[in-house]
Amino acid sequence: MSRIEEALLGRWSGLKILLVSTALGFACVLPLLLYMAFGPADGNPIGLGLLAVVAVPIAGIGAAVGLVKMVVQYFLRRE
């Protein structure tokens, strides 16, 4: 493993990756939820829907990576 990879992997903990991914997903879905709650009944928020459709899978992948890294960190510290 190169020094760059070691520096990047050491900088972000699994919990931090999980929290940032979850916050990113929530922040990208929140505008659509607010528009549905307070916007006009006949509105068509295409851009907000596309933002949510793109952000949720990316946030899910990031959360999965964070969980895997948390498990790996747990077992490496346990030894």
PDB file of N, CA and C in Angstrom:
ATOM      1  N   MET A   1       0.851  -1.166   0.000  1.00  0.00           N
ATOM      2  CA  MET A   1       0.000   0.000   0.000  1.00  0.00           C
ATOM      3  C   MET A   1       0.905   1.241   0.000  1.00  0.00           C
ATOM      4  N   SER A   2       0.547   2.215  -0.786  1.00  0.00           N
ATOM      5  CA  SER A   2       1.362   3.417  -0.881  1.00  0.00           C
ATOM      6  C   SER A   2       1.118   4.334   0.319  1.00  0.00           C
ATOM      7  N   ARG A   3       2.005   5.302   0.451  1.00  0.00           N
ATOM      8  CA  ARG A   3       1.868   6.249   1.565  1.00  0.00           C
ATOM      9  C   ARG A   3       0.606   7.087   1.439  1.00  0.00           C
ATOM     10  N   ILE A   4       0.196   7.375   0.204  1.00  0.00           N
ATOM     11  CA  ILE A   4      -1.011   8.180  -0.010  1.00  0.00           C
ATOM     12  C   ILE A   4      -2.240   7.419   0.470  1.00  0.00           C
ATOM     13  N   GLU A   5      -2.316   6.129   0.138  1.00  0.00           N
ATOM     14  CA  GLU A   5      -3.457   5.325   0.584  1.00  0.00           C
ATOM     15  C   GLU A   5      -3.493   5.213   2.099  1.00  0.00           C
ATOM     16  N   GLU A   6      -2.332   5.013   2.706  1.00  0.00           N
ATOM     17  CA  GLU A   6      -2.281   4.923   4.162  1.00  0.00           C
ATOM     18  C   GLU A   6      -2.722   6.227   4.810  1.00  0.00           C
ATOM     19  N   ALA A   7      -2.314   7.349   4.232  1.00  0.00           N
ATOM     20  CA  ALA A   7      -2.706   8.647   4.788  1.00  0.00           C
ATOM     21  C   ALA A   7      -4.206   8.864   4.662  1.00  0.00           C
ATOM     22  N   LEU A   8      -4.783   8.500   3.516  1.00  0.00           N
ATOM     23  CA  LEU A   8      -6.227   8.674   3.335  1.00  0.00           C
ATOM     24  C   LEU A   8      -7.024   7.732   4.218  1.00  0.00           C
ATOM     25  N   LEU A   9      -6.592   6.494   4.330  1.00  0.00           N
ATOM     26  CA  LEU A   9      -7.328   5.540   5.155  1.00  0.00           C
ATOM     27  C   LEU A   9      -7.217   5.879   6.635  1.00  0.00           C
ATOM     28  N   GLY A  10      -6.101   6.429   7.038  1.00  0.00           N
ATOM     29  CA  GLY A  10      -5.929   6.780   8.443  1.00  0.00           C
ATOM     30  C   GLY A  10      -6.656   8.046   8.839  1.00  0.00           C
ATOM     31  N   ARG A  11      -6.962   8.892   7.879  1.00  0.00           N
ATOM     32  CA  ARG A  11      -7.581  10.179   8.181  1.00  0.00           C
ATOM     33  C   ARG A  11      -9.071  10.053   8.486  1.00  0.00           C
ATOM     34  N   TRP A  12      -9.768   9.153   7.811  1.00  0.00           N
ATOM     35  CA  TRP A  12     -11.218   9.018   7.957  1.00  0.00           C
ATOM     36  C   TRP A  12     -11.534   7.714   8.686  1.00  0.00           C
ATOM     37  N   SER A  13     -12.202   7.808   9.820  1.00  0.00           N
ATOM     38  CA  SER A  13     -12.635   6.610  10.523  1.00  0.00           C
ATOM     39  C   SER A  13     -13.936   6.101   9.902  1.00  0.00           C
ATOM     40  N   GLY A  14     -14.270   4.868  10.222  1.00  0.00           N
ATOM     41  CA  GLY A  14     -15.494   4.284   9.687  1.00  0.00           C
ATOM     42  C   GLY A  14     -16.737   5.027  10.154  1.00  0.00           C
ATOM     43  N   LEU A  15     -16.747   5.432  11.398  1.00  0.00           N
ATOM     44  CA  LEU A  15     -17.894   6.166  11.927  1.00  0.00           C
ATOM     45  C   LEU A  15     -18.049   7.515  11.236  1.00  0.00           C
ATOM     46  N   LYS A  16     -16.934   8.184  10.969  1.00  0.00           N
ATOM     47  CA  LYS A  16     -16.991   9.485  10.295  1.00  0.00           C
ATOM     48  C   LYS A  16     -17.527   9.323   8.871  1.00  0.00           C
ATOM     49  N   ILE A  17     -17.088   8.288   8.160  1.00  0.00           N
ATOM     50  CA  ILE A  17     -17.593   8.032   6.811  1.00  0.00           C
ATOM     51  C   ILE A  17     -19.093   7.753   6.857  1.00  0.00           C
ATOM     52  N   LEU A  18     -19.517   6.959   7.818  1.00  0.00           N
ATOM     53  CA  LEU A  18     -20.931   6.628   7.963  1.00  0.00           C
ATOM     54  C   LEU A  18     -21.765   7.876   8.251  1.00  0.00           C
ATOM     55  N   LEU A  19     -21.307   8.709   9.160  1.00  0.00           N
ATOM     56  CA  LEU A  19     -22.056   9.913   9.521  1.00  0.00           C
ATOM     57  C   LEU A  19     -22.109  10.927   8.380  1.00  0.00           C
ATOM     58  N   VAL A  20     -21.002  11.120   7.684  1.00  0.00           N
ATOM     59  CA  VAL A  20     -20.979  12.062   6.566  1.00  0.00           C
ATOM     60  C   VAL A  20     -21.878  11.570   5.439  1.00  0.00           C
ATOM     61  N   SER A  21     -21.852  10.280   5.156  1.00  0.00           N
ATOM     62  CA  SER A  21     -22.698   9.725   4.097  1.00  0.00           C
ATOM     63  C   SER A  21     -24.175   9.863   4.445  1.00  0.00           C
ATOM     64  N   THR A  22     -24.518   9.575   5.676  1.00  0.00           N
ATOM     65  CA  THR A  22     -25.906   9.701   6.107  1.00  0.00           C
ATOM     66  C   THR A  22     -26.365  11.164   6.063  1.00  0.00           C
ATOM     67  N   ALA A  23     -25.508  12.068   6.506  1.00  0.00           N
ATOM     68  CA  ALA A  23     -25.854  13.492   6.467  1.00  0.00           C
ATOM     69  C   ALA A  23     -25.998  13.985   5.029  1.00  0.00           C
ATOM     70  N   LEU A  24     -25.129  13.513   4.143  1.00  0.00           N
ATOM     71  CA  LEU A  24     -25.226  13.900   2.738  1.00  0.00           C
ATOM     72  C   LEU A  24     -26.541  13.412   2.125  1.00  0.00           C
ATOM     73  N   GLY A  25     -26.898  12.170   2.395  1.00  0.00           N
ATOM     74  CA  GLY A  25     -28.163  11.641   1.882  1.00  0.00           C
ATOM     75  C   GLY A  25     -29.357  12.404   2.417  1.00  0.00           C
ATOM     76  N   PHE A  26     -29.347  12.698   3.696  1.00  0.00           N
ATOM     77  CA  PHE A  26     -30.461  13.439   4.284  1.00  0.00           C
ATOM     78  C   PHE A  26     -30.534  14.861   3.751  1.00  0.00           C
ATOM     79  N   ALA A  27     -29.365  15.496   3.587  1.00  0.00           N
ATOM     80  CA  ALA A  27     -29.343  16.875   3.093  1.00  0.00           C
ATOM     81  C   ALA A  27     -29.830  16.964   1.649  1.00  0.00           C
ATOM     82  N   CYS A  28     -29.644  15.908   0.876  1.00  0.00           N
ATOM     83  CA  CYS A  28     -30.091  15.944  -0.520  1.00  0.00           C
ATOM     84  C   CYS A  28     -31.555  15.540  -0.675  1.00  0.00           C
ATOM     85  N   VAL A  29     -32.109  14.834   0.290  1.00  0.00           N
ATOM     86  CA  VAL A  29     -33.519  14.452   0.235  1.00  0.00           C
ATOM     87  C   VAL A  29     -34.396  15.504   0.918  1.00  0.00           C
ATOM     88  N   LEU A  30     -33.830  16.249   1.843  1.00  0.00           N
ATOM     89  CA  LEU A  30     -34.591  17.235   2.603  1.00  0.00           C
ATOM     90  C   LEU A  30     -35.295  18.286   1.733  1.00  0.00           C
ATOM     91  N   PRO A  31     -34.664  18.829   0.693  1.00  0.00           N
ATOM     92  CA  PRO A  31     -35.399  19.807  -0.123  1.00  0.00           C
ATOM     93  C   PRO A  31     -36.661  19.226  -0.774  1.00  0.00           C
ATOM     94  N   LEU A  32     -36.587  17.998  -1.230  1.00  0.00           N
ATOM     95  CA  LEU A  32     -37.760  17.358  -1.817  1.00  0.00           C
ATOM     96  C   LEU A  32     -38.849  17.155  -0.772  1.00  0.00           C
ATOM     97  N   LEU A  33     -38.470  16.738   0.413  1.00  0.00           N
ATOM     98  CA  LEU A  33     -39.452  16.553   1.479  1.00  0.00           C
ATOM     99  C   LEU A  33     -40.105  17.876   1.879  1.00  0.00           C
ATOM    100  N   LEU A  34     -39.301  18.934   1.955  1.00  0.00           N
ATOM    101  CA  LEU A  34     -39.859  20.243   2.295  1.00  0.00           C
ATOM    102  C   LEU A  34     -40.778  20.757   1.190  1.00  0.00           C
ATOM    103  N   TYR A  35     -40.420  20.501  -0.069  1.00  0.00           N
ATOM    104  CA  TYR A  35     -41.277  20.921  -1.170  1.00  0.00           C
ATOM    105  C   TYR A  35     -42.599  20.166  -1.141  1.00  0.00           C
ATOM    106  N   MET A  36     -42.545  18.877  -0.825  1.00  0.00           N
ATOM    107  CA  MET A  36     -43.786  18.096  -0.747  1.00  0.00           C
ATOM    108  C   MET A  36     -44.665  18.570   0.411  1.00  0.00           C
ATOM    109  N   ALA A  37     -44.030  18.991   1.508  1.00  0.00           N
ATOM    110  CA  ALA A  37     -44.804  19.420   2.669  1.00  0.00           C
ATOM    111  C   ALA A  37     -45.365  20.831   2.516  1.00  0.00           C
ATOM    112  N   PHE A  38     -44.587  21.740   1.947  1.00  0.00           N
ATOM    113  CA  PHE A  38     -44.977  23.144   1.936  1.00  0.00           C
ATOM    114  C   PHE A  38     -45.189  23.731   0.546  1.00  0.00           C
ATOM    115  N   GLY A  39     -44.848  23.005  -0.502  1.00  0.00           N
ATOM    116  CA  GLY A  39     -44.962  23.521  -1.860  1.00  0.00           C
ATOM    117  C   GLY A  39     -46.389  23.424  -2.383  1.00  0.00           C
ATOM    118  N   PRO A  40     -46.598  23.897  -3.592  1.00  0.00           N
ATOM    119  CA  PRO A  40     -47.935  23.839  -4.179  1.00  0.00           C
ATOM    120  C   PRO A  40     -48.341  22.393  -4.472  1.00  0.00           C
ATOM    121  N   ALA A  41     -49.645  22.154  -4.421  1.00  0.00           N
ATOM    122  CA  ALA A  41     -50.144  20.797  -4.616  1.00  0.00           C
ATOM    123  C   ALA A  41     -49.948  20.315  -6.048  1.00  0.00           C
ATOM    124  N   ASP A  42     -49.954  21.219  -6.996  1.00  0.00           N
ATOM    125  CA  ASP A  42     -49.811  20.822  -8.395  1.00  0.00           C
ATOM    126  C   ASP A  42     -48.391  21.032  -8.913  1.00  0.00           C
ATOM    127  N   GLY A  43     -47.424  21.167  -8.028  1.00  0.00           N
ATOM    128  CA  GLY A  43     -46.036  21.388  -8.426  1.00  0.00           C
ATOM    129  C   GLY A  43     -45.387  20.116  -8.960  1.00  0.00           C
ATOM    130  N   ASN A  44     -44.296  20.285  -9.687  1.00  0.00           N
ATOM    131  CA  ASN A  44     -43.590  19.162 -10.268  1.00  0.00           C
ATOM    132  C   ASN A  44     -42.085  19.373 -10.052  1.00  0.00           C
ATOM    133  N   PRO A  45     -41.560  18.970  -8.902  1.00  0.00           N
ATOM    134  CA  PRO A  45     -40.157  19.238  -8.576  1.00  0.00           C
ATOM    135  C   PRO A  45     -39.216  18.207  -9.215  1.00  0.00           C
ATOM    136  N   ILE A  46     -39.029  18.301 -10.528  1.00  0.00           N
ATOM    137  CA  ILE A  46     -38.207  17.318 -11.230  1.00  0.00           C
ATOM    138  C   ILE A  46     -36.758  17.379 -10.763  1.00  0.00           C
ATOM    139  N   GLY A  47     -36.217  18.565 -10.648  1.00  0.00           N
ATOM    140  CA  GLY A  47     -34.820  18.705 -10.234  1.00  0.00           C
ATOM    141  C   GLY A  47     -34.570  18.174  -8.834  1.00  0.00           C
ATOM    142  N   LEU A  48     -35.484  18.446  -7.924  1.00  0.00           N
ATOM    143  CA  LEU A  48     -35.324  17.952  -6.554  1.00  0.00           C
ATOM    144  C   LEU A  48     -35.442  16.432  -6.502  1.00  0.00           C
ATOM    145  N   GLY A  49     -36.329  15.880  -7.322  1.00  0.00           N
ATOM    146  CA  GLY A  49     -36.458  14.422  -7.388  1.00  0.00           C
ATOM    147  C   GLY A  49     -35.208  13.773  -7.949  1.00  0.00           C
ATOM    148  N   LEU A  50     -34.637  14.371  -8.992  1.00  0.00           N
ATOM    149  CA  LEU A  50     -33.405  13.827  -9.564  1.00  0.00           C
ATOM    150  C   LEU A  50     -32.252  13.922  -8.579  1.00  0.00           C
ATOM    151  N   LEU A  51     -32.192  15.006  -7.830  1.00  0.00           N
ATOM    152  CA  LEU A  51     -31.165  15.136  -6.797  1.00  0.00           C
ATOM    153  C   LEU A  51     -31.284  14.019  -5.775  1.00  0.00           C
ATOM    154  N   ALA A  52     -32.496  13.730  -5.339  1.00  0.00           N
ATOM    155  CA  ALA A  52     -32.708  12.661  -4.360  1.00  0.00           C
ATOM    156  C   ALA A  52     -32.375  11.296  -4.952  1.00  0.00           C
ATOM    157  N   VAL A  53     -32.758  11.069  -6.221  1.00  0.00           N
ATOM    158  CA  VAL A  53     -32.504   9.769  -6.860  1.00  0.00           C
ATOM    159  C   VAL A  53     -31.008   9.524  -7.014  1.00  0.00           C
ATOM    160  N   VAL A  54     -30.241  10.552  -7.277  1.00  0.00           N
ATOM    161  CA  VAL A  54     -28.796  10.386  -7.433  1.00  0.00           C
ATOM    162  C   VAL A  54     -28.098  10.293  -6.074  1.00  0.00           C
ATOM    163  N   ALA A  55     -28.543  11.076  -5.109  1.00  0.00           N
ATOM    164  CA  ALA A  55     -27.838  11.165  -3.835  1.00  0.00           C
ATOM    165  C   ALA A  55     -28.066   9.963  -2.923  1.00  0.00           C
ATOM    166  N   VAL A  56     -29.242   9.384  -2.950  1.00  0.00           N
ATOM    167  CA  VAL A  56     -29.533   8.284  -2.027  1.00  0.00           C
ATOM    168  C   VAL A  56     -28.660   7.051  -2.293  1.00  0.00           C
ATOM    169  N   PRO A  57     -28.484   6.596  -3.533  1.00  0.00           N
ATOM    170  CA  PRO A  57     -27.577   5.454  -3.734  1.00  0.00           C
ATOM    171  C   PRO A  57     -26.124   5.773  -3.386  1.00  0.00           C
ATOM    172  N   ILE A  58     -25.687   6.990  -3.690  1.00  0.00           N
ATOM    173  CA  ILE A  58     -24.314   7.364  -3.341  1.00  0.00           C
ATOM    174  C   ILE A  58     -24.135   7.371  -1.823  1.00  0.00           C
ATOM    175  N   ALA A  59     -25.110   7.904  -1.115  1.00  0.00           N
ATOM    176  CA  ALA A  59     -25.050   7.915   0.347  1.00  0.00           C
ATOM    177  C   ALA A  59     -25.134   6.496   0.904  1.00  0.00           C
ATOM    178  N   GLY A  60     -25.917   5.642   0.280  1.00  0.00           N
ATOM    179  CA  GLY A  60     -26.006   4.245   0.719  1.00  0.00           C
ATOM    180  C   GLY A  60     -24.694   3.509   0.546  1.00  0.00           C
ATOM    181  N   ILE A  61     -24.032   3.738  -0.584  1.00  0.00           N
ATOM    182  CA  ILE A  61     -22.723   3.108  -0.806  1.00  0.00           C
ATOM    183  C   ILE A  61     -21.712   3.630   0.205  1.00  0.00           C
ATOM    184  N   GLY A  62     -21.732   4.928   0.447  1.00  0.00           N
ATOM    185  CA  GLY A  62     -20.828   5.502   1.447  1.00  0.00           C
ATOM    186  C   GLY A  62     -21.087   4.956   2.841  1.00  0.00           C
ATOM    187  N   ALA A  63     -22.359   4.779   3.188  1.00  0.00           N
ATOM    188  CA  ALA A  63     -22.695   4.220   4.501  1.00  0.00           C
ATOM    189  C   ALA A  63     -22.227   2.773   4.604  1.00  0.00           C
ATOM    190  N   ALA A  64     -22.369   2.012   3.520  1.00  0.00           N
ATOM    191  CA  ALA A  64     -21.903   0.620   3.525  1.00  0.00           C
ATOM    192  C   ALA A  64     -20.384   0.553   3.681  1.00  0.00           C
ATOM    193  N   VAL A  65     -19.670   1.440   3.000  1.00  0.00           N
ATOM    194  CA  VAL A  65     -18.213   1.496   3.137  1.00  0.00           C
ATOM    195  C   VAL A  65     -17.836   1.855   4.576  1.00  0.00           C
ATOM    196  N   GLY A  66     -18.543   2.803   5.146  1.00  0.00           N
ATOM    197  CA  GLY A  66     -18.273   3.174   6.538  1.00  0.00           C
ATOM    198  C   GLY A  66     -18.522   2.027   7.501  1.00  0.00           C
ATOM    199  N   LEU A  67     -19.594   1.273   7.278  1.00  0.00           N
ATOM    200  CA  LEU A  67     -19.872   0.124   8.146  1.00  0.00           C
ATOM    201  C   LEU A  67     -18.799  -0.950   8.017  1.00  0.00           C
ATOM    202  N   VAL A  68     -18.382  -1.232   6.791  1.00  0.00           N
ATOM    203  CA  VAL A  68     -17.331  -2.237   6.580  1.00  0.00           C
ATOM    204  C   VAL A  68     -16.041  -1.790   7.244  1.00  0.00           C
ATOM    205  N   LYS A  69     -15.712  -0.512   7.099  1.00  0.00           N
ATOM    206  CA  LYS A  69     -14.485  -0.010   7.730  1.00  0.00           C
ATOM    207  C   LYS A  69     -14.581  -0.058   9.252  1.00  0.00           C
ATOM    208  N   MET A  70     -15.764   0.192   9.801  1.00  0.00           N
ATOM    209  CA  MET A  70     -15.946   0.090  11.253  1.00  0.00           C
ATOM    210  C   MET A  70     -15.721  -1.338  11.727  1.00  0.00           C
ATOM    211  N   VAL A  71     -16.231  -2.313  10.984  1.00  0.00           N
ATOM    212  CA  VAL A  71     -16.045  -3.719  11.358  1.00  0.00           C
ATOM    213  C   VAL A  71     -14.567  -4.099  11.288  1.00  0.00           C
ATOM    214  N   VAL A  72     -13.889  -3.667  10.224  1.00  0.00           N
ATOM    215  CA  VAL A  72     -12.461  -3.963  10.085  1.00  0.00           C
ATOM    216  C   VAL A  72     -11.673  -3.314  11.215  1.00  0.00           C
ATOM    217  N   GLN A  73     -11.978  -2.065  11.539  1.00  0.00           N
ATOM    218  CA  GLN A  73     -11.286  -1.391  12.637  1.00  0.00           C
ATOM    219  C   GLN A  73     -11.545  -2.100  13.965  1.00  0.00           C
ATOM    220  N   TYR A  74     -12.746  -2.597  14.149  1.00  0.00           N
ATOM    221  CA  TYR A  74     -13.069  -3.304  15.393  1.00  0.00           C
ATOM    222  C   TYR A  74     -12.198  -4.560  15.539  1.00  0.00           C
ATOM    223  N   PHE A  75     -12.094  -5.328  14.452  1.00  0.00           N
ATOM    224  CA  PHE A  75     -11.328  -6.556  14.545  1.00  0.00           C
ATOM    225  C   PHE A  75      -9.822  -6.297  14.587  1.00  0.00           C
ATOM    226  N   LEU A  76      -9.330  -5.217  13.993  1.00  0.00           N
ATOM    227  CA  LEU A  76      -7.912  -4.909  14.083  1.00  0.00           C
ATOM    228  C   LEU A  76      -7.520  -4.417  15.477  1.00  0.00           C
ATOM    229  N   ARG A  77      -8.408  -3.703  16.133  1.00  0.00           N
ATOM    230  CA  ARG A  77      -8.122  -3.230  17.498  1.00  0.00           C
ATOM    231  C   ARG A  77      -8.272  -4.341  18.518  1.00  0.00           C
ATOM    232  N   ARG A  78      -9.031  -5.345  18.187  1.00  0.00           N
ATOM    233  CA  ARG A  78      -9.323  -6.424  19.126  1.00  0.00           C
ATOM    234  C   ARG A  78      -8.118  -7.333  19.343  1.00  0.00           C
ATOM    235  N   GLU A  79      -7.228  -7.405  18.394  1.00  0.00           N
ATOM    236  CA  GLU A  79      -6.079  -8.326  18.504  1.00  0.00           C
ATOM    237  C   GLU A  79      -5.117  -7.955  19.569  1.00  0.00           C
TER     238      GLU A  79
END
